[in-house]
Amino acid sequence: MKSFFKTIGTGLAAGALLLSGTIGWMSNPQVVSAATTAAVTADQMISKVTAASKALKNFHLDVTKKQDIQSGGVRISNTNTLKLDINRLPNFAAAGTVDSSLLKTSYSLYANDKEYYYLVDGSELIDESEDEGYDDDGEPIDPNAQYWLGLEKVEWNAFYSKGQYDPVSMLDSVKSYKKSMKVNNVGAQTVLQFTITDPTAAKGIIALYDQENLWDGETVQPKSVTWKLFVNTKTWQTEKLTVDLSYVLTSDGEKDTYTTKIEAKYSKNNKGTAIVKPAELE
C-alpha cells in the first residue's frame, strides 16, 4: 500500500513508480451588493453553506496540487491535477483522472463508497511485474490492454476524500479551528478563512491534505497553514477552496521542507449524469 502512496507523494518527487493498487447577481442595480451586505459570522456561514450543499446531488471538481520539496541541496517540484465527476446522492461515486507533471503520466479513476480503482496500461504493468509479465493468477499481461487495479481506501484518500473536498464534510473537518476563522466579502463571493501557526493545530490540516507524505517514524514540524473557502454569496454554494501548507519532516536527523499549494474549483452543480461502474469491474 505504501508503494502506491509513494508514487503519489514523495515517490513522485523521486520519480519512482511502484504500483500496487461569479457568478454576478446584480440583476437589479438597486439590489444591495455583497460588499455592503451585513456581515455573517463563521457559524452562520458554515450553517448556510452546509444547508445549501446537503441537497447537492452531483458536481465537478478540478484540483491542482503543487508541491515543492527541499531535501538537502536538492529541490523537487511536482504538480498533480485531479479532475473528478462526483455523485453525492443517493450514493457516492466518483470518476475521472489524475495527472502527474513529474512522471508525465495519467491514470483514470473510479470509486464508490466501498471500492476504489485506477486504470493502468498493460505495458506499464509488465515493466513493474515481478513475475516476468504475468499477473497474480499466472495469466500473461497484454501490453496493449488496460487493467483496473484496486486501491485501499487510504490510498484513494491521497487523491480525494470527503473530508478534504466534499462541500459538507470538509466543513466538519475544520470546525475545531472555528476560533481562528474570519469571514470577508469579495465581490459576489463570501470567503471563510483561517491561518494557523500553532504546530499542534496545524498538524491536523497537514495530515488531512498531505497524508501521502507522512510516514511512520517521521516528525512533522508545521510552519503555517492557510485554508480559504470561497462561496457564492447568493446561493451559498461552494465555488473554490485553497489550502497552503508549509512544514518540515524530520527523520533520522534529516530535514525535508515541504510547501504545498492546493486549489480546488467546483462547477456543474446538479448538472452531471449518473456515474456508472466500469463493466470490467462488475
Protein backbone atom coordinates (compact mmCIF):
# COMPACT_ATOMS: atom_id res chain seq x y z
CA MET A 1 0.00 0.00 0.00
CA LYS A 2 2.82 2.40 0.83
CA SER A 3 4.28 1.82 -2.61
CA PHE A 4 1.31 3.46 -4.29
CA PHE A 5 1.32 6.24 -1.70
CA LYS A 6 4.93 6.87 -2.58
CA THR A 7 4.00 7.18 -6.24
CA ILE A 8 1.55 9.95 -5.46
CA GLY A 9 3.55 11.69 -2.73
CA THR A 10 7.26 11.62 -2.10
CA GLY A 11 7.72 8.88 -4.70
CA LEU A 12 6.53 11.31 -7.35
CA ALA A 13 9.25 13.64 -6.25
CA ALA A 14 11.80 10.87 -6.57
CA GLY A 15 10.45 9.82 -9.97
CA ALA A 16 9.75 6.29 -8.83
CA LEU A 17 6.70 4.34 -9.93
CA LEU A 18 5.81 1.44 -7.69
CA LEU A 19 2.37 0.13 -8.48
CA SER A 20 0.04 -1.59 -6.03
CA GLY A 21 -3.04 -0.64 -6.43
CA THR A 22 -19.19 34.73 -10.17
CA ILE A 23 -21.42 34.50 -10.74
CA GLY A 24 -22.55 38.18 -10.51
CA TRP A 25 -26.01 38.51 -9.06
CA MET A 26 -26.68 42.23 -9.57
CA SER A 27 -29.60 41.66 -11.90
CA ASN A 28 -31.25 44.76 -10.39
CA PRO A 29 -28.99 47.80 -9.85
CA GLN A 30 -30.94 48.65 -6.69
CA VAL A 31 -30.09 45.34 -5.05
CA VAL A 32 -27.53 45.70 -2.27
CA SER A 33 -24.14 44.34 -3.31
CA ALA A 34 -22.30 41.62 -1.46
CA ALA A 35 -19.80 44.19 -0.22
CA THR A 36 -22.49 46.11 1.69
CA THR A 37 -24.45 43.11 2.92
CA ALA A 38 -24.48 42.69 6.68
CA ALA A 39 -21.56 40.51 7.63
CA VAL A 40 -22.20 36.96 8.72
CA THR A 41 -20.31 35.15 11.41
CA ALA A 42 -18.30 32.00 10.80
CA ASP A 43 -21.04 29.93 12.48
CA GLN A 44 -23.72 31.50 10.30
CA MET A 45 -21.72 30.97 7.13
CA ILE A 46 -21.00 27.33 7.95
CA SER A 47 -24.69 26.79 8.60
CA LYS A 48 -25.72 28.42 5.31
CA VAL A 49 -23.14 26.56 3.23
CA THR A 50 -23.98 23.24 4.86
CA ALA A 51 -27.70 23.70 4.27
CA ALA A 52 -27.16 24.65 0.62
CA SER A 53 -24.78 21.75 0.00
CA LYS A 54 -26.64 18.92 1.70
CA ALA A 55 -29.10 18.65 -1.20
CA LEU A 56 -26.33 18.79 -3.83
CA LYS A 57 -26.66 15.65 -5.92
CA ASN A 58 -23.54 15.97 -8.03
CA PHE A 59 -20.78 18.34 -9.09
CA HIS A 60 -17.46 18.51 -10.95
CA LEU A 61 -14.19 19.02 -9.10
CA ASP A 62 -10.87 20.30 -10.50
CA VAL A 63 -7.95 20.14 -8.09
CA THR A 64 -4.44 21.42 -8.79
CA LYS A 65 -1.91 20.40 -6.15
CA LYS A 66 1.56 21.90 -6.46
CA GLN A 67 4.30 20.70 -4.18
CA ASP A 68 7.93 21.76 -3.70
CA ILE A 69 10.26 19.62 -1.62
CA GLN A 70 13.63 20.89 -0.44
CA SER A 71 15.81 17.99 0.63
CA GLY A 72 19.37 18.97 1.39
CA GLY A 73 20.62 20.85 -1.64
CA VAL A 74 18.02 19.29 -3.93
CA ARG A 75 14.70 20.90 -4.83
CA ILE A 76 12.00 18.82 -6.46
CA SER A 77 8.66 20.09 -7.76
CA ASN A 78 5.57 18.27 -8.92
CA THR A 79 2.00 19.16 -9.88
CA ASN A 80 -0.89 16.72 -9.60
CA THR A 81 -4.09 17.60 -11.45
CA LEU A 82 -7.26 15.81 -10.38
CA LYS A 83 -10.47 16.00 -12.39
CA LEU A 84 -13.46 14.18 -10.92
CA ASP A 85 -17.18 13.99 -11.51
CA ILE A 86 -18.76 13.39 -8.11
CA ASN A 87 -22.15 11.88 -7.32
CA ARG A 88 -23.24 12.61 -3.72
CA LEU A 89 -26.84 11.47 -3.67
CA PRO A 90 -28.35 9.00 -3.34
CA ASN A 91 -24.97 7.23 -3.21
CA PHE A 92 -21.37 8.33 -3.53
CA ALA A 93 -19.46 7.61 -6.73
CA ALA A 94 -16.57 9.32 -8.48
CA ALA A 95 -14.89 9.01 -11.87
CA GLY A 96 -12.15 10.98 -13.56
CA THR A 97 -8.40 11.28 -13.97
CA VAL A 98 -5.26 12.22 -12.05
CA ASP A 99 -2.13 13.55 -13.81
CA SER A 100 1.43 13.94 -12.57
CA SER A 101 3.66 16.53 -14.22
CA LEU A 102 6.83 14.92 -12.88
CA LEU A 103 6.06 11.41 -14.07
CA LYS A 104 4.31 12.67 -17.21
CA THR A 105 1.59 10.10 -16.67
CA SER A 106 -2.16 9.96 -16.17
CA TYR A 107 -4.49 7.44 -14.55
CA SER A 108 -8.24 7.03 -14.85
CA LEU A 109 -10.03 6.62 -11.53
CA TYR A 110 -13.28 5.13 -10.31
CA ALA A 111 -14.61 4.84 -6.77
CA ASN A 112 -17.76 4.29 -4.78
CA ASP A 113 -18.34 4.02 -1.04
CA LYS A 114 -16.73 0.59 -0.86
CA GLU A 115 -14.41 0.20 -3.86
CA TYR A 116 -11.52 2.24 -5.26
CA TYR A 117 -9.68 1.65 -8.54
CA TYR A 118 -7.22 3.13 -11.01
CA LEU A 119 -6.61 2.13 -14.62
CA VAL A 120 -3.13 1.24 -15.84
CA ASP A 121 -1.68 0.22 -19.21
CA GLY A 122 -0.58 -3.37 -19.55
CA SER A 123 2.85 -2.30 -20.78
CA GLU A 124 3.38 -0.41 -17.53
CA LEU A 125 2.34 -3.44 -15.54
CA ILE A 126 4.82 -5.59 -17.40
CA ASP A 127 7.62 -3.14 -16.68
CA GLU A 128 6.85 -3.33 -12.96
CA SER A 129 5.92 -7.02 -12.84
CA GLU A 130 7.87 -9.31 -10.54
CA ASP A 131 6.64 -12.36 -12.45
CA GLU A 132 8.08 -11.65 -15.90
CA GLY A 133 4.89 -10.33 -17.46
CA TYR A 134 2.30 -12.49 -15.67
CA ASP A 135 -0.40 -11.35 -13.28
CA ASP A 136 -1.11 -12.78 -9.83
CA ASP A 137 -3.24 -15.54 -11.37
CA GLY A 138 -0.48 -16.64 -13.71
CA GLU A 139 -2.15 -15.12 -16.77
CA PRO A 140 0.02 -13.23 -19.27
CA ILE A 141 -0.34 -9.44 -19.20
CA ASP A 142 -1.38 -7.95 -22.54
CA PRO A 143 0.82 -4.89 -23.20
CA ASN A 144 -1.90 -3.36 -25.41
CA ALA A 145 -4.67 -3.77 -22.84
CA GLN A 146 -5.64 -1.72 -19.81
CA TYR A 147 -6.26 -3.10 -16.35
CA TRP A 148 -8.23 -1.81 -13.36
CA LEU A 149 -6.23 -2.22 -10.16
CA GLY A 150 -7.71 -1.96 -6.71
CA LEU A 151 -6.73 0.68 -4.17
CA GLU A 152 -7.05 0.65 -0.43
CA LYS A 153 -9.27 3.40 0.95
CA VAL A 154 -6.28 5.16 2.49
CA GLU A 155 -4.63 5.20 -0.94
CA TRP A 156 -7.74 6.63 -2.61
CA ASN A 157 -7.77 9.32 0.08
CA ALA A 158 -4.44 10.56 -1.26
CA PHE A 159 -6.47 11.78 -4.25
CA TYR A 160 -9.88 12.56 -2.78
CA SER A 161 -11.71 12.19 0.47
CA LYS A 162 -14.99 13.68 1.60
CA GLY A 163 -13.20 15.34 4.49
CA GLN A 164 -10.90 17.14 2.06
CA TYR A 165 -13.28 18.31 -0.64
CA ASP A 166 -16.95 17.42 -0.09
CA PRO A 167 -18.79 20.74 0.44
CA VAL A 168 -20.44 19.43 3.62
CA SER A 169 -17.87 17.07 5.09
CA MET A 170 -14.89 19.41 4.72
CA LEU A 171 -16.62 21.96 6.96
CA ASP A 172 -16.87 19.27 9.62
CA SER A 173 -13.15 18.62 9.16
CA VAL A 174 -12.21 22.19 10.09
CA LYS A 175 -14.83 23.01 12.74
CA SER A 176 -12.23 22.72 15.50
CA TYR A 177 -10.48 25.77 14.00
CA LYS A 178 -13.58 27.97 14.30
CA LYS A 179 -11.99 30.41 16.75
CA SER A 180 -9.42 31.30 14.10
CA MET A 181 -11.93 31.77 11.27
CA LYS A 182 -12.68 35.08 9.59
CA VAL A 183 -15.40 35.98 7.07
CA ASN A 184 -14.91 38.50 4.27
CA ASN A 185 -16.94 39.60 1.26
CA VAL A 186 -15.14 39.76 -2.06
CA GLY A 187 -17.40 40.83 -4.92
CA ALA A 188 -20.05 38.18 -5.41
CA GLN A 189 -18.27 35.75 -3.11
CA THR A 190 -18.06 35.30 0.63
CA VAL A 191 -14.78 33.90 1.94
CA LEU A 192 -14.33 31.81 5.07
CA GLN A 193 -10.68 31.52 6.05
CA PHE A 194 -8.20 30.82 8.80
CA THR A 195 -4.42 30.84 9.20
CA ILE A 196 -2.77 28.90 11.98
CA THR A 197 0.85 28.62 13.03
CA ASP A 198 0.38 26.66 16.24
CA PRO A 199 2.11 23.32 15.49
CA THR A 200 -0.44 21.13 17.24
CA ALA A 201 -3.39 22.75 15.47
CA ALA A 202 -1.67 22.81 12.08
CA LYS A 203 -0.84 19.10 12.12
CA GLY A 204 -4.48 18.16 11.61
CA ILE A 205 -4.77 20.04 8.31
CA ILE A 206 -1.42 18.75 7.08
CA ALA A 207 -2.45 15.18 7.87
CA LEU A 208 -5.73 15.73 6.02
CA TYR A 209 -4.41 17.23 2.79
CA ASP A 210 -0.85 15.88 2.60
CA GLN A 211 -1.33 12.49 4.20
CA GLU A 212 0.63 10.72 1.45
CA ASN A 213 3.82 12.38 2.68
CA LEU A 214 3.53 11.30 6.30
CA TRP A 215 5.34 8.10 7.19
CA ASP A 216 5.90 6.19 10.37
CA GLY A 217 8.89 7.48 12.28
CA GLU A 218 8.81 10.99 10.84
CA THR A 219 8.24 14.11 12.93
CA VAL A 220 6.02 16.85 11.49
CA GLN A 221 7.11 20.40 12.28
CA PRO A 222 4.42 22.77 10.91
CA LYS A 223 5.27 26.32 9.91
CA SER A 224 1.88 27.61 8.77
CA VAL A 225 -1.45 26.55 7.34
CA THR A 226 -3.90 28.79 5.46
CA TRP A 227 -7.33 27.46 4.45
CA LYS A 228 -9.83 29.52 2.40
CA LEU A 229 -13.32 28.62 1.22
CA PHE A 230 -14.97 30.78 -1.47
CA VAL A 231 -18.75 30.52 -1.83
CA ASN A 232 -21.37 32.27 -3.94
CA THR A 233 -22.99 34.88 -1.68
CA LYS A 234 -26.38 34.44 -3.31
CA THR A 235 -26.62 30.64 -3.45
CA TRP A 236 -24.11 29.72 -0.69
CA GLN A 237 -22.74 27.03 -2.94
CA THR A 238 -19.02 26.30 -2.78
CA GLU A 239 -17.03 27.64 -5.75
CA LYS A 240 -13.39 27.30 -4.71
CA LEU A 241 -11.13 26.04 -1.95
CA THR A 242 -7.45 26.91 -1.45
CA VAL A 243 -5.08 25.31 1.06
CA ASP A 244 -1.48 26.45 1.61
CA LEU A 245 0.77 24.26 3.75
CA SER A 246 4.34 24.79 4.92
CA TYR A 247 6.10 22.27 7.15
CA VAL A 248 9.24 20.26 7.81
CA LEU A 249 9.50 16.50 8.05
CA THR A 250 12.32 15.18 10.19
CA SER A 251 13.51 11.58 10.08
CA ASP A 252 16.80 10.14 11.32
CA GLY A 253 18.19 13.62 11.77
CA GLU A 254 17.42 14.70 8.22
CA LYS A 255 15.02 17.55 7.49
CA ASP A 256 12.93 17.98 4.34
CA THR A 257 10.93 21.16 3.80
CA TYR A 258 7.53 20.84 2.10
CA THR A 259 5.47 23.61 0.52
CA THR A 260 2.06 22.59 -0.80
CA LYS A 261 -0.47 24.78 -2.62
CA ILE A 262 -3.89 23.35 -3.42
CA GLU A 263 -6.65 24.95 -5.49
CA ALA A 264 -9.94 23.13 -5.88
CA LYS A 265 -12.66 24.51 -8.16
CA TYR A 266 -16.29 23.41 -8.12
CA SER A 267 -18.64 23.53 -11.12
CA LYS A 268 -21.61 21.88 -12.84
CA ASN A 269 -23.67 21.65 -9.65
CA ASN A 270 -26.57 19.25 -10.21
CA LYS A 271 -25.77 19.15 -13.93
CA GLY A 272 -23.87 15.89 -14.04
CA THR A 273 -25.02 12.46 -15.08
CA ALA A 274 -25.09 9.29 -13.06
CA ILE A 275 -21.66 7.68 -12.74
CA VAL A 276 -21.69 4.11 -13.99
CA LYS A 277 -19.31 1.50 -12.68
CA PRO A 278 -17.00 0.25 -15.46
CA ALA A 279 -18.22 -3.03 -16.93
CA GLU A 280 -14.84 -4.66 -16.26
CA LEU A 281 -15.42 -4.20 -12.52
CA GLU A 282 -18.86 -5.77 -12.40
